[in-house]
Amino acid sequence: MRLVAHELNLSKEQEQQIHSMWQTERPTLTGLLQEFSAESKEMDQATARGNLDEGKVQEIAARQGETLAS
């Protein structure tokens, strides 16, 4: 964060605002990352050992798209 703040020439107030936003959004981001990770594991299982379940893959991909769009 410090490097980015330095490169953008942010003031201390701007840095504090970003930090505050990050702290507010952290639980949401953590939940989304966990959800996406679980969906990725499902995708791995749905495509493991050449056993492709196309319907399942499409369903998981749709959920991953929704997760990323959140």
C-alpha atoms as a PDB file:
ATOM      1  CA  MET A   1       0.000   0.000   0.000  1.00  0.00           C
ATOM      2  CA  ARG A   2       2.775   2.399   0.882  1.00  0.00           C
ATOM      3  CA  LEU A   3       4.450   1.988  -2.510  1.00  0.00           C
ATOM      4  CA  VAL A   4       1.181   2.631  -4.323  1.00  0.00           C
ATOM      5  CA  ALA A   5       0.432   5.624  -2.115  1.00  0.00           C
ATOM      6  CA  HIS A   6       3.899   6.980  -2.809  1.00  0.00           C
ATOM      7  CA  GLU A   7       3.637   6.406  -6.573  1.00  0.00           C
ATOM      8  CA  LEU A   8       0.242   8.124  -6.645  1.00  0.00           C
ATOM      9  CA  ASN A   9       1.531  10.916  -4.423  1.00  0.00           C
ATOM     10  CA  LEU A  10      -1.360  10.442  -2.003  1.00  0.00           C
ATOM     11  CA  SER A  11      -1.721  12.611   1.031  1.00  0.00           C
ATOM     12  CA  LYS A  12      -1.897  11.076   4.507  1.00  0.00           C
ATOM     13  CA  GLU A  13      -5.620  11.856   4.535  1.00  0.00           C
ATOM     14  CA  GLN A  14      -6.115   9.996   1.264  1.00  0.00           C
ATOM     15  CA  GLU A  15      -4.113   7.045   2.588  1.00  0.00           C
ATOM     16  CA  GLN A  16      -6.311   6.988   5.701  1.00  0.00           C
ATOM     17  CA  GLN A  17      -9.461   7.082   3.571  1.00  0.00           C
ATOM     18  CA  ILE A  18      -8.253   4.129   1.505  1.00  0.00           C
ATOM     19  CA  HIS A  19      -7.306   2.245   4.663  1.00  0.00           C
ATOM     20  CA  SER A  20     -10.747   2.904   6.120  1.00  0.00           C
ATOM     21  CA  MET A  21     -12.465   1.690   2.934  1.00  0.00           C
ATOM     22  CA  TRP A  22     -10.288  -1.414   2.900  1.00  0.00           C
ATOM     23  CA  GLN A  23     -11.165  -2.220   6.521  1.00  0.00           C
ATOM     24  CA  THR A  24     -14.865  -1.758   5.760  1.00  0.00           C
ATOM     25  CA  GLU A  25     -14.789  -3.970   2.660  1.00  0.00           C
ATOM     26  CA  ARG A  26     -12.396  -6.623   3.959  1.00  0.00           C
ATOM     27  CA  PRO A  27     -15.121  -8.979   5.325  1.00  0.00           C
ATOM     28  CA  THR A  28     -17.008  -8.829   2.031  1.00  0.00           C
ATOM     29  CA  LEU A  29     -13.865  -9.453  -0.010  1.00  0.00           C
ATOM     30  CA  THR A  30     -12.825 -12.292   2.260  1.00  0.00           C
ATOM     31  CA  GLY A  31     -16.208 -13.949   1.809  1.00  0.00           C
ATOM     32  CA  LEU A  32     -16.069 -13.548  -1.965  1.00  0.00           C
ATOM     33  CA  LEU A  33     -12.554 -14.981  -2.114  1.00  0.00           C
ATOM     34  CA  GLN A  34     -13.617 -17.988  -0.061  1.00  0.00           C
ATOM     35  CA  GLU A  35     -16.658 -18.495  -2.280  1.00  0.00           C
ATOM     36  CA  PHE A  36     -14.561 -18.276  -5.453  1.00  0.00           C
ATOM     37  CA  SER A  37     -11.997 -20.678  -4.005  1.00  0.00           C
ATOM     38  CA  ALA A  38     -14.727 -23.218  -3.236  1.00  0.00           C
ATOM     39  CA  GLU A  39     -16.129 -22.820  -6.753  1.00  0.00           C
ATOM     40  CA  SER A  40     -12.656 -23.351  -8.206  1.00  0.00           C
ATOM     41  CA  LYS A  41     -12.313 -26.592  -6.241  1.00  0.00           C
ATOM     42  CA  GLU A  42     -15.703 -27.687  -7.567  1.00  0.00           C
ATOM     43  CA  MET A  43     -14.526 -26.892 -11.083  1.00  0.00           C
ATOM     44  CA  ASP A  44     -11.387 -28.966 -10.547  1.00  0.00           C
ATOM     45  CA  GLN A  45     -13.530 -31.882  -9.399  1.00  0.00           C
ATOM     46  CA  ALA A  46     -15.944 -31.497 -12.317  1.00  0.00           C
ATOM     47  CA  THR A  47     -13.065 -31.696 -14.801  1.00  0.00           C
ATOM     48  CA  ALA A  48     -10.793 -34.169 -13.009  1.00  0.00           C
ATOM     49  CA  ARG A  49      -9.305 -37.145 -14.798  1.00  0.00           C
ATOM     50  CA  GLY A  50     -10.982 -36.282 -18.083  1.00  0.00           C
ATOM     51  CA  ASN A  51     -14.466 -36.825 -16.672  1.00  0.00           C
ATOM     52  CA  LEU A  52     -16.054 -33.658 -17.999  1.00  0.00           C
ATOM     53  CA  ASP A  53     -19.572 -32.961 -16.787  1.00  0.00           C
ATOM     54  CA  GLU A  54     -20.432 -30.121 -19.161  1.00  0.00           C
ATOM     55  CA  GLY A  55     -23.653 -29.152 -17.388  1.00  0.00           C
ATOM     56  CA  LYS A  56     -21.883 -28.985 -14.038  1.00  0.00           C
ATOM     57  CA  VAL A  57     -18.996 -26.991 -15.548  1.00  0.00           C
ATOM     58  CA  GLN A  58     -21.418 -24.450 -17.026  1.00  0.00           C
ATOM     59  CA  GLU A  59     -23.272 -24.134 -13.718  1.00  0.00           C
ATOM     60  CA  ILE A  60     -20.048 -23.593 -11.770  1.00  0.00           C
ATOM     61  CA  ALA A  61     -18.746 -21.105 -14.356  1.00  0.00           C
ATOM     62  CA  ALA A  62     -21.994 -19.131 -14.091  1.00  0.00           C
ATOM     63  CA  ARG A  63     -21.644 -18.990 -10.302  1.00  0.00           C
ATOM     64  CA  GLN A  64     -18.005 -17.926 -10.616  1.00  0.00           C
ATOM     65  CA  GLY A  65     -19.076 -15.144 -12.967  1.00  0.00           C
ATOM     66  CA  GLU A  66     -21.652 -13.960 -10.431  1.00  0.00           C
ATOM     67  CA  THR A  67     -19.065 -14.082  -7.664  1.00  0.00           C
ATOM     68  CA  LEU A  68     -16.594 -12.029  -9.689  1.00  0.00           C
ATOM     69  CA  ALA A  69     -19.287  -9.510 -10.606  1.00  0.00           C
ATOM     70  CA  SER A  70     -20.187  -8.961  -6.930  1.00  0.00           C
END
